[in-house]
Amino acid sequence: MPEHYSFSTELQIRITDLNYGGHVGNDSFLALIQEARQQFLLQYGYKELDFEGFGLIMADSAIEYRSELNYGDIVRISVQAEGFDKLGFDIFYLLEIINKEAIIVAGKAKTGMICFDYTLKKKTSIPAIAIAKLTQPQ
């Protein structure tokens, strides 16, 4: 996990984010980090389907759960892009519950993102300008 995150957002856990166990399930956890990823990309003028003329597709994901997320929790999701190569990069996420008593780490995640040409339906090289934008200090 990175020591520094260039972006963070706060989201409130909705009733529709809960599973039958009464807490956020893995599918909703992935949806939360997708929302944070989209907001992260927007700060650079990108969207998942509008990334220097191409799109992004998630190649892999890894999640480490630390604490339950419950209805009404305010979660700060910090985001950082690293590990760039020819086709893609990794995005790291730190999820923390914000409350009056303390900040509690709820989980950590990583998604491997690949630059994808949706017209040709194939992987493509990540544009150098995108790497330059995503690695500049904020």
N, C-alpha and C. Protein backbone atom coordinates (compact mmCIF):
# COMPACT_ATOMS: atom_id res chain seq x y z
N MET A 1 0.85 -1.18 0.00
CA MET A 1 0.00 0.00 0.00
C MET A 1 0.89 1.24 0.00
N PRO A 2 0.45 2.25 -0.72
CA PRO A 2 1.24 3.49 -0.77
C PRO A 2 1.27 4.21 0.58
N GLU A 3 2.31 5.01 0.77
CA GLU A 3 2.39 5.85 1.96
C GLU A 3 1.58 7.12 1.79
N HIS A 4 1.39 7.56 0.52
CA HIS A 4 0.70 8.80 0.22
C HIS A 4 -0.45 8.52 -0.76
N TYR A 5 -1.57 9.17 -0.53
CA TYR A 5 -2.71 9.09 -1.43
C TYR A 5 -3.00 10.49 -1.96
N SER A 6 -3.16 10.61 -3.27
CA SER A 6 -3.34 11.92 -3.88
C SER A 6 -4.79 12.39 -3.91
N PHE A 7 -5.73 11.52 -3.54
CA PHE A 7 -7.15 11.87 -3.63
C PHE A 7 -7.90 11.15 -2.52
N SER A 8 -8.94 11.80 -2.00
CA SER A 8 -9.86 11.11 -1.08
C SER A 8 -11.25 11.70 -1.24
N THR A 9 -12.22 10.88 -0.94
CA THR A 9 -13.62 11.28 -0.97
C THR A 9 -14.32 10.63 0.21
N GLU A 10 -15.44 11.20 0.62
CA GLU A 10 -16.22 10.60 1.70
C GLU A 10 -17.58 10.18 1.16
N LEU A 11 -17.98 8.97 1.51
CA LEU A 11 -19.27 8.41 1.10
C LEU A 11 -19.98 7.89 2.34
N GLN A 12 -21.31 7.99 2.32
CA GLN A 12 -22.11 7.44 3.42
C GLN A 12 -22.69 6.11 2.98
N ILE A 13 -22.62 5.13 3.87
CA ILE A 13 -23.15 3.80 3.58
C ILE A 13 -24.67 3.86 3.58
N ARG A 14 -25.26 3.38 2.47
CA ARG A 14 -26.71 3.39 2.29
C ARG A 14 -27.30 2.04 2.70
N ILE A 15 -28.57 2.02 2.93
CA ILE A 15 -29.25 0.77 3.30
C ILE A 15 -29.10 -0.27 2.18
N THR A 16 -29.06 0.19 0.93
CA THR A 16 -28.93 -0.73 -0.21
C THR A 16 -27.52 -1.30 -0.35
N ASP A 17 -26.56 -0.78 0.43
CA ASP A 17 -25.19 -1.32 0.41
C ASP A 17 -25.05 -2.54 1.31
N LEU A 18 -26.06 -2.82 2.14
CA LEU A 18 -25.96 -3.89 3.13
C LEU A 18 -26.38 -5.23 2.54
N ASN A 19 -25.75 -6.30 3.02
CA ASN A 19 -26.15 -7.65 2.62
C ASN A 19 -27.02 -8.28 3.70
N TYR A 20 -27.31 -9.56 3.57
CA TYR A 20 -28.17 -10.24 4.54
C TYR A 20 -27.55 -10.31 5.93
N GLY A 21 -26.24 -10.11 6.04
CA GLY A 21 -25.58 -10.09 7.35
C GLY A 21 -25.68 -8.74 8.04
N GLY A 22 -26.27 -7.77 7.35
CA GLY A 22 -26.47 -6.46 7.95
C GLY A 22 -25.28 -5.52 7.84
N HIS A 23 -24.29 -5.90 7.02
CA HIS A 23 -23.14 -5.03 6.79
C HIS A 23 -22.82 -5.01 5.30
N VAL A 24 -21.87 -4.17 4.91
CA VAL A 24 -21.50 -4.07 3.49
C VAL A 24 -20.85 -5.38 3.06
N GLY A 25 -21.37 -5.95 1.97
CA GLY A 25 -20.82 -7.17 1.41
C GLY A 25 -19.76 -6.87 0.37
N ASN A 26 -19.14 -7.94 -0.15
CA ASN A 26 -18.04 -7.74 -1.09
C ASN A 26 -18.46 -7.04 -2.38
N ASP A 27 -19.68 -7.29 -2.85
CA ASP A 27 -20.13 -6.63 -4.07
C ASP A 27 -20.30 -5.13 -3.86
N SER A 28 -20.84 -4.74 -2.73
CA SER A 28 -20.99 -3.31 -2.43
C SER A 28 -19.65 -2.66 -2.14
N PHE A 29 -18.73 -3.41 -1.55
CA PHE A 29 -17.38 -2.89 -1.29
C PHE A 29 -16.72 -2.52 -2.62
N LEU A 30 -16.85 -3.41 -3.62
CA LEU A 30 -16.31 -3.11 -4.95
C LEU A 30 -17.01 -1.91 -5.59
N ALA A 31 -18.31 -1.77 -5.35
CA ALA A 31 -19.04 -0.61 -5.88
C ALA A 31 -18.55 0.68 -5.23
N LEU A 32 -18.25 0.65 -3.94
CA LEU A 32 -17.72 1.83 -3.26
C LEU A 32 -16.38 2.25 -3.84
N ILE A 33 -15.50 1.29 -4.08
CA ILE A 33 -14.20 1.68 -4.63
C ILE A 33 -14.33 2.09 -6.10
N GLN A 34 -15.33 1.56 -6.81
CA GLN A 34 -15.56 2.01 -8.18
C GLN A 34 -15.98 3.48 -8.19
N GLU A 35 -16.85 3.87 -7.27
CA GLU A 35 -17.26 5.28 -7.16
C GLU A 35 -16.06 6.16 -6.84
N ALA A 36 -15.21 5.72 -5.91
CA ALA A 36 -14.02 6.49 -5.58
C ALA A 36 -13.07 6.57 -6.77
N ARG A 37 -12.93 5.47 -7.51
CA ARG A 37 -12.07 5.47 -8.69
C ARG A 37 -12.58 6.46 -9.73
N GLN A 38 -13.88 6.48 -9.97
CA GLN A 38 -14.45 7.41 -10.95
C GLN A 38 -14.21 8.86 -10.52
N GLN A 39 -14.40 9.16 -9.24
CA GLN A 39 -14.14 10.51 -8.76
C GLN A 39 -12.65 10.86 -8.88
N PHE A 40 -11.79 9.89 -8.58
CA PHE A 40 -10.35 10.09 -8.73
C PHE A 40 -10.00 10.44 -10.17
N LEU A 41 -10.53 9.68 -11.12
CA LEU A 41 -10.25 9.93 -12.54
C LEU A 41 -10.79 11.29 -12.99
N LEU A 42 -11.95 11.68 -12.48
CA LEU A 42 -12.56 12.96 -12.86
C LEU A 42 -11.67 14.14 -12.51
N GLN A 43 -10.88 14.05 -11.44
CA GLN A 43 -10.00 15.16 -11.09
C GLN A 43 -8.94 15.40 -12.16
N TYR A 44 -8.69 14.41 -13.01
CA TYR A 44 -7.74 14.54 -14.11
C TYR A 44 -8.45 14.76 -15.45
N GLY A 45 -9.78 14.88 -15.41
CA GLY A 45 -10.56 15.05 -16.64
C GLY A 45 -10.87 13.75 -17.35
N TYR A 46 -10.74 12.63 -16.67
CA TYR A 46 -10.98 11.32 -17.26
C TYR A 46 -12.26 10.68 -16.70
N LYS A 47 -12.73 9.68 -17.42
CA LYS A 47 -13.78 8.77 -16.97
C LYS A 47 -13.30 7.37 -17.32
N GLU A 48 -13.91 6.36 -16.77
CA GLU A 48 -13.48 4.99 -17.07
C GLU A 48 -13.61 4.66 -18.55
N LEU A 49 -14.59 5.26 -19.23
CA LEU A 49 -14.77 5.00 -20.65
C LEU A 49 -14.25 6.13 -21.53
N ASP A 50 -13.57 7.09 -20.94
CA ASP A 50 -13.02 8.22 -21.68
C ASP A 50 -11.65 8.55 -21.10
N PHE A 51 -10.66 7.77 -21.51
CA PHE A 51 -9.31 7.84 -20.97
C PHE A 51 -8.34 8.04 -22.13
N GLU A 52 -8.15 9.30 -22.51
CA GLU A 52 -7.30 9.65 -23.67
C GLU A 52 -7.71 8.87 -24.92
N GLY A 53 -9.02 8.80 -25.16
CA GLY A 53 -9.53 8.15 -26.36
C GLY A 53 -9.79 6.67 -26.22
N PHE A 54 -9.45 6.10 -25.09
CA PHE A 54 -9.68 4.69 -24.84
C PHE A 54 -10.52 4.54 -23.58
N GLY A 55 -10.64 3.33 -23.09
CA GLY A 55 -11.33 3.08 -21.84
C GLY A 55 -10.41 2.34 -20.89
N LEU A 56 -10.92 2.11 -19.71
CA LEU A 56 -10.21 1.29 -18.73
C LEU A 56 -11.07 0.09 -18.40
N ILE A 57 -10.44 -1.01 -18.16
CA ILE A 57 -11.14 -2.22 -17.74
C ILE A 57 -10.38 -2.81 -16.56
N MET A 58 -11.11 -3.31 -15.57
CA MET A 58 -10.47 -3.88 -14.39
C MET A 58 -10.02 -5.31 -14.72
N ALA A 59 -8.73 -5.55 -14.55
CA ALA A 59 -8.15 -6.86 -14.83
C ALA A 59 -8.13 -7.76 -13.60
N ASP A 60 -7.98 -7.14 -12.42
CA ASP A 60 -7.96 -7.92 -11.19
C ASP A 60 -8.30 -7.02 -10.02
N SER A 61 -8.61 -7.64 -8.91
CA SER A 61 -8.87 -6.89 -7.68
C SER A 61 -8.45 -7.74 -6.48
N ALA A 62 -8.03 -7.04 -5.43
CA ALA A 62 -7.69 -7.70 -4.17
C ALA A 62 -8.24 -6.83 -3.05
N ILE A 63 -8.86 -7.46 -2.07
CA ILE A 63 -9.47 -6.73 -0.97
C ILE A 63 -9.04 -7.36 0.35
N GLU A 64 -8.71 -6.50 1.30
CA GLU A 64 -8.43 -6.93 2.67
C GLU A 64 -9.45 -6.24 3.57
N TYR A 65 -10.33 -7.02 4.17
CA TYR A 65 -11.36 -6.47 5.05
C TYR A 65 -10.79 -6.35 6.47
N ARG A 66 -11.02 -5.21 7.13
CA ARG A 66 -10.51 -5.00 8.47
C ARG A 66 -11.62 -4.78 9.49
N SER A 67 -12.70 -4.09 9.09
CA SER A 67 -13.79 -3.78 10.01
C SER A 67 -15.09 -3.68 9.23
N GLU A 68 -16.18 -4.04 9.88
CA GLU A 68 -17.48 -3.96 9.22
C GLU A 68 -17.83 -2.52 8.86
N LEU A 69 -18.49 -2.39 7.72
CA LEU A 69 -19.12 -1.13 7.33
C LEU A 69 -20.62 -1.30 7.52
N ASN A 70 -21.21 -0.39 8.27
CA ASN A 70 -22.63 -0.49 8.61
C ASN A 70 -23.41 0.70 8.10
N TYR A 71 -24.72 0.56 8.13
CA TYR A 71 -25.62 1.63 7.67
C TYR A 71 -25.29 2.95 8.36
N GLY A 72 -25.17 4.00 7.56
CA GLY A 72 -24.92 5.33 8.08
C GLY A 72 -23.47 5.69 8.29
N ASP A 73 -22.57 4.70 8.26
CA ASP A 73 -21.14 5.00 8.42
C ASP A 73 -20.69 5.98 7.35
N ILE A 74 -19.83 6.90 7.74
CA ILE A 74 -19.16 7.79 6.78
C ILE A 74 -17.79 7.17 6.53
N VAL A 75 -17.51 6.90 5.27
CA VAL A 75 -16.27 6.24 4.89
C VAL A 75 -15.44 7.17 4.03
N ARG A 76 -14.21 7.40 4.47
CA ARG A 76 -13.26 8.14 3.63
C ARG A 76 -12.50 7.10 2.81
N ILE A 77 -12.53 7.30 1.49
CA ILE A 77 -11.81 6.40 0.59
C ILE A 77 -10.68 7.21 -0.04
N SER A 78 -9.45 6.83 0.27
CA SER A 78 -8.27 7.47 -0.29
C SER A 78 -7.78 6.63 -1.46
N VAL A 79 -7.31 7.30 -2.52
CA VAL A 79 -6.98 6.63 -3.78
C VAL A 79 -5.61 7.08 -4.29
N GLN A 80 -4.86 6.12 -4.84
CA GLN A 80 -3.55 6.43 -5.43
C GLN A 80 -3.27 5.47 -6.58
N ALA A 81 -2.81 6.00 -7.71
CA ALA A 81 -2.41 5.19 -8.86
C ALA A 81 -0.90 5.02 -8.84
N GLU A 82 -0.45 3.78 -9.07
CA GLU A 82 0.98 3.46 -9.09
C GLU A 82 1.22 2.25 -9.98
N GLY A 83 2.48 1.91 -10.16
CA GLY A 83 2.83 0.67 -10.86
C GLY A 83 2.49 0.67 -12.34
N PHE A 84 2.78 1.76 -13.02
CA PHE A 84 2.45 1.87 -14.44
C PHE A 84 3.36 0.97 -15.27
N ASP A 85 2.78 0.34 -16.27
CA ASP A 85 3.54 -0.41 -17.26
C ASP A 85 2.96 -0.11 -18.64
N LYS A 86 3.29 -0.89 -19.64
CA LYS A 86 2.87 -0.60 -21.01
C LYS A 86 1.35 -0.56 -21.18
N LEU A 87 0.63 -1.47 -20.51
CA LEU A 87 -0.81 -1.60 -20.74
C LEU A 87 -1.69 -1.02 -19.63
N GLY A 88 -1.15 -0.79 -18.46
CA GLY A 88 -2.03 -0.35 -17.39
C GLY A 88 -1.28 0.05 -16.14
N PHE A 89 -2.01 -0.04 -15.02
CA PHE A 89 -1.49 0.41 -13.74
C PHE A 89 -2.37 -0.14 -12.63
N ASP A 90 -1.91 0.04 -11.40
CA ASP A 90 -2.68 -0.37 -10.23
C ASP A 90 -3.27 0.86 -9.56
N ILE A 91 -4.44 0.70 -8.99
CA ILE A 91 -5.04 1.73 -8.16
C ILE A 91 -5.23 1.13 -6.77
N PHE A 92 -4.74 1.86 -5.77
CA PHE A 92 -4.82 1.43 -4.38
C PHE A 92 -5.87 2.27 -3.65
N TYR A 93 -6.56 1.63 -2.70
CA TYR A 93 -7.64 2.27 -1.96
C TYR A 93 -7.48 1.98 -0.47
N LEU A 94 -7.68 3.00 0.34
CA LEU A 94 -7.71 2.86 1.79
C LEU A 94 -9.08 3.35 2.25
N LEU A 95 -9.85 2.48 2.88
CA LEU A 95 -11.19 2.83 3.37
C LEU A 95 -11.15 2.97 4.87
N GLU A 96 -11.58 4.13 5.36
CA GLU A 96 -11.55 4.41 6.79
C GLU A 96 -12.91 4.93 7.24
N ILE A 97 -13.39 4.38 8.35
CA ILE A 97 -14.64 4.85 8.95
C ILE A 97 -14.30 6.10 9.76
N ILE A 98 -15.04 7.16 9.53
CA ILE A 98 -14.83 8.42 10.23
C ILE A 98 -15.94 8.55 11.28
N ASN A 99 -15.56 8.59 12.56
CA ASN A 99 -16.55 8.84 13.61
C ASN A 99 -15.93 9.73 14.68
N LYS A 100 -16.72 10.10 15.66
CA LYS A 100 -16.27 11.04 16.69
C LYS A 100 -15.15 10.49 17.56
N GLU A 101 -15.14 9.19 17.78
CA GLU A 101 -14.16 8.58 18.68
C GLU A 101 -12.81 8.34 18.02
N ALA A 102 -12.83 7.91 16.76
CA ALA A 102 -11.58 7.52 16.12
C ALA A 102 -11.79 7.33 14.62
N ILE A 103 -10.69 7.16 13.94
CA ILE A 103 -10.71 6.76 12.53
C ILE A 103 -10.33 5.28 12.51
N ILE A 104 -11.19 4.46 11.93
CA ILE A 104 -11.00 3.02 11.93
C ILE A 104 -10.78 2.54 10.50
N VAL A 105 -9.71 1.80 10.27
CA VAL A 105 -9.48 1.24 8.94
C VAL A 105 -10.51 0.13 8.69
N ALA A 106 -11.31 0.32 7.66
CA ALA A 106 -12.34 -0.66 7.31
C ALA A 106 -11.82 -1.66 6.29
N GLY A 107 -10.86 -1.24 5.48
CA GLY A 107 -10.33 -2.15 4.49
C GLY A 107 -9.33 -1.49 3.58
N LYS A 108 -8.65 -2.34 2.82
CA LYS A 108 -7.69 -1.89 1.82
C LYS A 108 -7.98 -2.68 0.55
N ALA A 109 -7.71 -2.05 -0.59
CA ALA A 109 -7.97 -2.74 -1.85
C ALA A 109 -6.99 -2.28 -2.91
N LYS A 110 -6.89 -3.10 -3.95
CA LYS A 110 -6.10 -2.78 -5.13
C LYS A 110 -6.85 -3.29 -6.34
N THR A 111 -6.91 -2.46 -7.38
CA THR A 111 -7.45 -2.93 -8.65
C THR A 111 -6.39 -2.74 -9.72
N GLY A 112 -6.23 -3.74 -10.56
CA GLY A 112 -5.36 -3.64 -11.72
C GLY A 112 -6.19 -3.15 -12.90
N MET A 113 -5.81 -2.00 -13.45
CA MET A 113 -6.56 -1.39 -14.55
C MET A 113 -5.77 -1.51 -15.84
N ILE A 114 -6.44 -1.93 -16.90
CA ILE A 114 -5.83 -2.09 -18.21
C ILE A 114 -6.47 -1.09 -19.17
N CYS A 115 -5.64 -0.46 -20.00
CA CYS A 115 -6.16 0.44 -21.03
C CYS A 115 -6.77 -0.45 -22.13
N PHE A 116 -8.00 -0.11 -22.53
CA PHE A 116 -8.77 -1.00 -23.41
C PHE A 116 -9.43 -0.20 -24.52
N ASP A 117 -9.30 -0.69 -25.75
CA ASP A 117 -9.97 -0.10 -26.90
C ASP A 117 -11.30 -0.83 -27.08
N TYR A 118 -12.38 -0.19 -26.64
CA TYR A 118 -13.69 -0.83 -26.69
C TYR A 118 -14.21 -0.99 -28.11
N THR A 119 -13.72 -0.19 -29.06
CA THR A 119 -14.13 -0.33 -30.46
C THR A 119 -13.55 -1.60 -31.05
N LEU A 120 -12.25 -1.82 -30.82
CA LEU A 120 -11.58 -3.00 -31.35
C LEU A 120 -11.66 -4.20 -30.41
N LYS A 121 -12.15 -3.96 -29.18
CA LYS A 121 -12.28 -5.02 -28.17
C LYS A 121 -10.94 -5.68 -27.85
N LYS A 122 -9.92 -4.82 -27.62
CA LYS A 122 -8.61 -5.38 -27.27
C LYS A 122 -7.84 -4.40 -26.39
N LYS A 123 -6.86 -4.96 -25.66
CA LYS A 123 -5.98 -4.14 -24.83
C LYS A 123 -5.15 -3.24 -25.72
N THR A 124 -4.79 -2.08 -25.17
CA THR A 124 -3.96 -1.14 -25.91
C THR A 124 -2.97 -0.49 -24.94
N SER A 125 -1.93 0.09 -25.49
CA SER A 125 -0.93 0.75 -24.65
C SER A 125 -1.54 1.98 -23.98
N ILE A 126 -1.15 2.18 -22.74
CA ILE A 126 -1.62 3.35 -22.01
C ILE A 126 -0.92 4.59 -22.58
N PRO A 127 -1.67 5.62 -22.93
CA PRO A 127 -1.04 6.83 -23.48
C PRO A 127 -0.09 7.48 -22.48
N ALA A 128 1.06 7.93 -22.96
CA ALA A 128 2.07 8.56 -22.11
C ALA A 128 1.51 9.78 -21.39
N ILE A 129 0.62 10.53 -22.04
CA ILE A 129 0.05 11.71 -21.39
C ILE A 129 -0.78 11.34 -20.17
N ALA A 130 -1.44 10.18 -20.22
CA ALA A 130 -2.22 9.73 -19.07
C ALA A 130 -1.31 9.38 -17.90
N ILE A 131 -0.18 8.74 -18.20
CA ILE A 131 0.78 8.42 -17.14
C ILE A 131 1.30 9.71 -16.52
N ALA A 132 1.64 10.66 -17.37
CA ALA A 132 2.16 11.94 -16.87
C ALA A 132 1.14 12.64 -15.97
N LYS A 133 -0.12 12.64 -16.36
CA LYS A 133 -1.16 13.29 -15.55
C LYS A 133 -1.36 12.59 -14.22
N LEU A 134 -1.44 11.26 -14.26
CA LEU A 134 -1.75 10.50 -13.04
C LEU A 134 -0.58 10.43 -12.06
N THR A 135 0.62 10.73 -12.53
CA THR A 135 1.77 10.68 -11.63
C THR A 135 2.24 12.06 -11.16
N GLN A 136 1.59 13.11 -11.66
CA GLN A 136 1.99 14.45 -11.20
C GLN A 136 1.44 14.68 -9.80
N PRO A 137 2.21 15.36 -8.96
CA PRO A 137 1.75 15.64 -7.60
C PRO A 137 0.48 16.51 -7.61
N GLN A 138 -0.42 16.23 -6.71
CA GLN A 138 -1.68 17.01 -6.61
C GLN A 138 -1.59 17.97 -5.46
